[in-house]
C-alpha cells in the first residue's frame, strides 16, 4: 500500500494505492493554496477510510516538482515526516507525470505547468506500447512560436495548467490544448509500472524546484 501526495500546484491531493489500484482519494483546488490547512486532514481521512495505520504502508510517494515552492515544501515535509515516524520508504515522482495518461489517445504529449510570465515547466512524453515514457528531462521554457520545433508538425496533446498559455504563445495548428488541468495524486499509480517512481533518501531528499525561489513583496499596506 502506497500513500501518494501531490501538492506542487493549486491542487492539493492525496491517494492510497494498492497493487496499482486507487482505493481512496481526496483533492481540492483553491487559488489560495490551502495545502497547509487541508493536506494532513486529507491524509487522515483516507487512512481512516481504508482502516489503515501508517505502519501498514509500504511507503510514501510524493510529487517532487517542479511547481510552487511553498506547495512542494508542504508536501515533501509531510511525506518525510510520515516516513521518519513509521520507518517507511520514501519515493518521488515527477509532478509533470501526475496526469491521467490512460485517458489520452494521442501518441505525443506535452505536460506544462505555469512558471509565470511567458514561461512554463515542461516535459515531453511519447507512447510506447500501452504506456507513456518521458523524453528528455523537465525544463523551463520561455514559450514562443519556435518552441519545441521538432514536434511542431506532430499531433501533440498539451496538458496541464499552462496549456492555454502555450496555445496563445505557440499555437501550432497540429496541436490540441486541454482546458486547465492539474496534477493529481489520483493518477500517480499510472506511472508505477513504467518505472516512474524513484526511491529517495528520507534524510536528504529535497523538492525539485527547477528554478530558484523568488520572493514577491507583499502589496498589502501593513500600516
Protein backbone atom coordinates (compact mmCIF):
# COMPACT_ATOMS: atom_id res chain seq x y z
CA UNK A 1 0.00 0.00 0.00
CA UNK A 2 1.47 3.35 -1.10
CA UNK A 3 0.35 6.76 0.17
CA UNK A 4 0.61 9.29 -2.68
CA UNK A 5 0.90 13.05 -2.10
CA UNK A 6 0.85 15.76 -4.78
CA UNK A 7 0.91 19.45 -3.75
CA UNK A 8 3.06 21.19 -6.38
CA UNK A 9 0.22 23.29 -7.81
CA UNK A 10 -3.01 24.86 -6.59
CA UNK A 11 -4.48 21.35 -6.40
CA UNK A 12 -3.88 19.60 -3.06
CA UNK A 13 -4.36 15.85 -3.45
CA UNK A 14 -3.67 12.52 -1.74
CA UNK A 15 -4.42 8.91 -2.64
CA UNK A 16 -3.94 5.37 -1.35
CA UNK A 17 -2.80 2.85 -3.96
CA UNK A 18 -2.81 -0.92 -3.55
CA UNK A 19 -1.43 -3.14 -6.34
CA UNK A 20 -1.84 -0.32 -8.85
CA UNK A 21 -5.44 0.44 -7.88
CA UNK A 22 -6.52 3.62 -6.10
CA UNK A 23 -8.68 2.72 -3.09
CA UNK A 24 -9.12 6.15 -1.51
CA UNK A 25 -8.60 9.70 -2.71
CA UNK A 26 -9.07 13.33 -1.71
CA UNK A 27 -8.33 16.52 -3.62
CA UNK A 28 -9.22 20.19 -3.51
CA UNK A 29 -8.34 23.06 -5.81
CA UNK A 30 -8.01 26.58 -4.44
CA UNK A 31 -6.40 29.78 -5.67
CA UNK A 32 -5.48 30.48 -2.05
CA UNK A 33 -3.17 27.44 -1.70
CA UNK A 34 -4.94 25.56 1.11
CA UNK A 35 -2.30 22.83 1.32
CA UNK A 36 -1.14 23.76 4.82
CA UNK A 37 -4.72 23.67 6.08
CA UNK A 38 -6.05 20.63 4.26
CA UNK A 39 -3.23 18.17 3.50
CA UNK A 40 -2.92 16.45 6.87
CA UNK A 41 -6.70 16.31 7.20
CA UNK A 42 -6.96 14.62 3.80
CA UNK A 43 -4.32 12.08 4.77
CA UNK A 44 -6.14 11.22 7.99
CA UNK A 45 -9.44 10.89 6.14
CA UNK A 46 -8.20 8.37 3.58
CA UNK A 47 -6.21 6.40 6.16
CA UNK A 48 -9.36 6.14 8.31
CA UNK A 49 -11.46 5.27 5.26
CA UNK A 50 -9.12 2.37 4.45
CA UNK A 51 -8.82 1.45 8.13
CA UNK A 52 -5.03 1.61 7.92
CA UNK A 53 -2.20 2.76 10.17
CA UNK A 54 0.98 4.31 8.81
CA UNK A 55 2.88 1.20 9.93
CA UNK A 56 0.86 -0.82 7.38
CA UNK A 57 2.06 1.28 4.45
CA UNK A 58 4.77 0.05 2.09
CA UNK A 59 5.93 3.61 1.60
CA UNK A 60 5.03 7.18 0.66
CA UNK A 61 5.35 8.64 -2.85
CA UNK A 62 5.40 12.42 -3.29
CA UNK A 63 5.28 14.59 -6.40
CA UNK A 64 8.78 16.09 -6.41
CA UNK A 65 8.08 19.10 -8.63
CA UNK A 66 8.66 21.40 -10.34
CA UNK A 67 5.93 23.71 -9.14
CA UNK A 68 5.01 26.02 -6.29
CA UNK A 69 7.87 26.45 -3.83
CA UNK A 70 5.52 26.56 -0.83
CA UNK A 71 3.31 23.73 -2.07
CA UNK A 72 6.30 21.47 -2.65
CA UNK A 73 7.77 22.20 0.77
CA UNK A 74 4.48 21.31 2.46
CA UNK A 75 4.01 18.05 0.54
CA UNK A 76 7.60 16.85 0.86
CA UNK A 77 7.76 17.76 4.55
CA UNK A 78 4.60 15.75 5.23
CA UNK A 79 5.89 12.75 3.27
CA UNK A 80 9.28 12.80 5.03
CA UNK A 81 7.65 13.18 8.44
CA UNK A 82 5.47 10.12 7.90
CA UNK A 83 8.43 8.10 6.64
CA UNK A 84 10.62 9.13 9.57
CA UNK A 85 7.95 8.34 12.15
CA UNK A 86 6.85 5.00 10.69
CA UNK A 87 10.23 3.96 9.23
CA UNK A 88 8.85 3.59 5.73
CA UNK A 89 10.47 4.11 2.35
CA UNK A 90 10.17 7.46 0.59
CA UNK A 91 9.58 7.61 -3.16
CA UNK A 92 9.24 10.51 -5.57
CA UNK A 93 7.67 11.03 -8.96
CA UNK A 94 7.87 13.97 -11.41
CA UNK A 95 4.88 16.24 -10.93
CA UNK A 96 4.69 16.63 -14.71
CA UNK A 97 3.80 12.92 -14.88
CA UNK A 98 0.88 13.03 -12.43
CA UNK A 99 -1.85 13.24 -15.06
CA UNK A 100 -4.45 10.81 -16.41
CA UNK A 101 -2.46 9.31 -19.28
CA UNK A 102 -4.91 6.40 -19.55
CA UNK A 103 -7.49 8.80 -20.98
CA UNK A 104 -5.12 10.09 -23.69
CA UNK A 105 -5.42 8.73 -27.24
CA UNK A 106 -2.61 10.65 -28.95
CA UNK A 107 0.97 9.36 -29.15
CA UNK A 108 2.72 12.59 -28.17
CA UNK A 109 2.01 14.60 -25.04
CA UNK A 110 3.49 17.79 -23.65
CA UNK A 111 2.74 18.39 -19.97
CA UNK A 112 3.17 22.00 -18.87
CA UNK A 113 2.82 23.92 -15.62
CA UNK A 114 2.74 27.68 -15.20
CA UNK A 115 6.10 29.25 -14.30
CA UNK A 116 4.84 32.86 -14.51
CA UNK A 117 5.07 35.41 -17.33
CA UNK A 118 5.66 33.64 -20.68
CA UNK A 119 7.47 30.69 -19.10
CA UNK A 120 6.32 27.13 -18.37
CA UNK A 121 7.77 24.00 -16.80
CA UNK A 122 7.55 21.31 -19.47
CA UNK A 123 8.15 17.61 -20.06
CA UNK A 124 7.61 15.67 -23.28
CA UNK A 125 6.04 12.20 -23.35
CA UNK A 126 5.77 9.53 -26.05
CA UNK A 127 3.56 6.47 -26.17
CA UNK A 128 5.40 3.16 -26.03
CA UNK A 129 3.03 0.22 -26.13
CA UNK A 130 0.27 0.78 -23.61
CA UNK A 131 2.08 3.42 -21.54
CA UNK A 132 3.89 6.73 -21.90
CA UNK A 133 7.58 7.36 -21.26
CA UNK A 134 9.26 10.71 -20.71
CA UNK A 135 11.51 12.09 -23.45
CA UNK A 136 14.37 14.13 -22.09
CA UNK A 137 14.04 15.95 -18.78
CA UNK A 138 11.89 18.61 -17.19
CA UNK A 139 12.85 22.06 -18.40
CA UNK A 140 11.80 25.69 -18.09
CA UNK A 141 10.72 27.07 -21.45
CA UNK A 142 10.00 30.66 -22.43
CA UNK A 143 7.19 29.93 -24.87
CA UNK A 144 7.18 31.41 -28.38
CA UNK A 145 6.24 30.25 -31.87
CA UNK A 146 9.54 28.40 -32.33
CA UNK A 147 9.41 26.39 -29.09
CA UNK A 148 9.70 22.58 -29.45
CA UNK A 149 10.41 22.78 -33.22
CA UNK A 150 10.98 19.02 -33.52
CA UNK A 151 7.33 18.46 -32.54
CA UNK A 152 5.67 21.31 -34.38
CA UNK A 153 4.26 19.12 -37.18
CA UNK A 154 3.27 16.21 -34.91
CA UNK A 155 -0.18 15.59 -33.45
CA UNK A 156 0.50 16.63 -29.86
CA UNK A 157 -1.80 16.93 -26.85
CA UNK A 158 -0.81 19.67 -24.41
CA UNK A 159 -1.98 19.10 -20.82
CA UNK A 160 -1.54 20.98 -17.56
CA UNK A 161 -2.49 24.32 -16.04
CA UNK A 162 -0.39 26.20 -18.65
CA UNK A 163 -1.90 24.50 -21.73
CA UNK A 164 -3.87 27.60 -22.70
CA UNK A 165 -0.77 29.78 -22.23
CA UNK A 166 1.07 27.54 -24.70
CA UNK A 167 -1.86 27.80 -27.10
CA UNK A 168 -1.72 31.60 -27.00
CA UNK A 169 2.06 31.91 -27.34
CA UNK A 170 2.86 28.89 -29.54
CA UNK A 171 -0.33 27.96 -31.32
CA UNK A 172 0.55 25.07 -33.64
CA UNK A 173 -2.43 24.07 -35.77
CA UNK A 174 -1.44 20.40 -35.32
CA UNK A 175 -1.66 20.54 -31.52
CA UNK A 176 -4.64 20.02 -29.22
CA UNK A 177 -4.76 22.02 -26.00
CA UNK A 178 -6.59 20.79 -22.91
CA UNK A 179 -8.57 23.08 -20.68
CA UNK A 180 -6.68 23.86 -17.50
CA UNK A 181 -5.88 20.62 -15.68
CA UNK A 182 -3.76 19.97 -12.64
CA UNK A 183 -1.51 17.15 -11.41
CA UNK A 184 -3.34 14.80 -9.07
CA UNK A 185 -2.23 12.05 -6.68
CA UNK A 186 -5.14 10.01 -8.07
CA UNK A 187 -3.13 9.36 -11.25
CA UNK A 188 0.32 8.72 -9.78
CA UNK A 189 -0.23 4.96 -9.83
CA UNK A 190 -0.29 5.01 -13.65
CA UNK A 191 3.48 5.54 -13.74
CA UNK A 192 4.36 2.96 -11.07
CA UNK A 193 4.65 0.09 -13.55
CA UNK A 194 6.51 2.29 -16.05
CA UNK A 195 9.35 2.91 -13.60
CA UNK A 196 8.33 6.46 -12.82
CA UNK A 197 8.70 6.08 -9.04
CA UNK A 198 12.19 6.57 -7.57
CA UNK A 199 13.32 5.64 -4.07
CA UNK A 200 14.79 8.59 -2.16
CA UNK A 201 16.90 9.15 0.94
CA UNK A 202 14.47 10.32 3.61
CA UNK A 203 17.08 12.47 5.35
CA UNK A 204 18.45 14.29 2.31
CA UNK A 205 15.66 14.41 -0.26
CA UNK A 206 14.64 17.90 -1.39
CA UNK A 207 11.95 19.02 -3.83
CA UNK A 208 12.93 19.61 -7.44
CA UNK A 209 12.30 23.33 -7.83
CA UNK A 210 13.99 23.64 -11.26
CA UNK A 211 14.27 27.41 -10.73
CA UNK A 212 15.47 29.38 -7.73
CA UNK A 213 12.82 30.70 -5.36
CA UNK A 214 11.96 34.37 -5.94
CA UNK A 215 10.22 36.19 -3.11
CA UNK A 216 7.41 38.52 -4.11
CA UNK A 217 6.95 41.62 -2.00
CA UNK A 218 3.51 41.86 -0.42
CA UNK A 219 1.26 44.59 -1.83
CA UNK A 220 -0.70 44.85 1.42
CA UNK A 221 -0.49 48.06 3.41
CA UNK A 222 0.59 46.93 6.87
CA UNK A 223 0.33 50.40 8.46
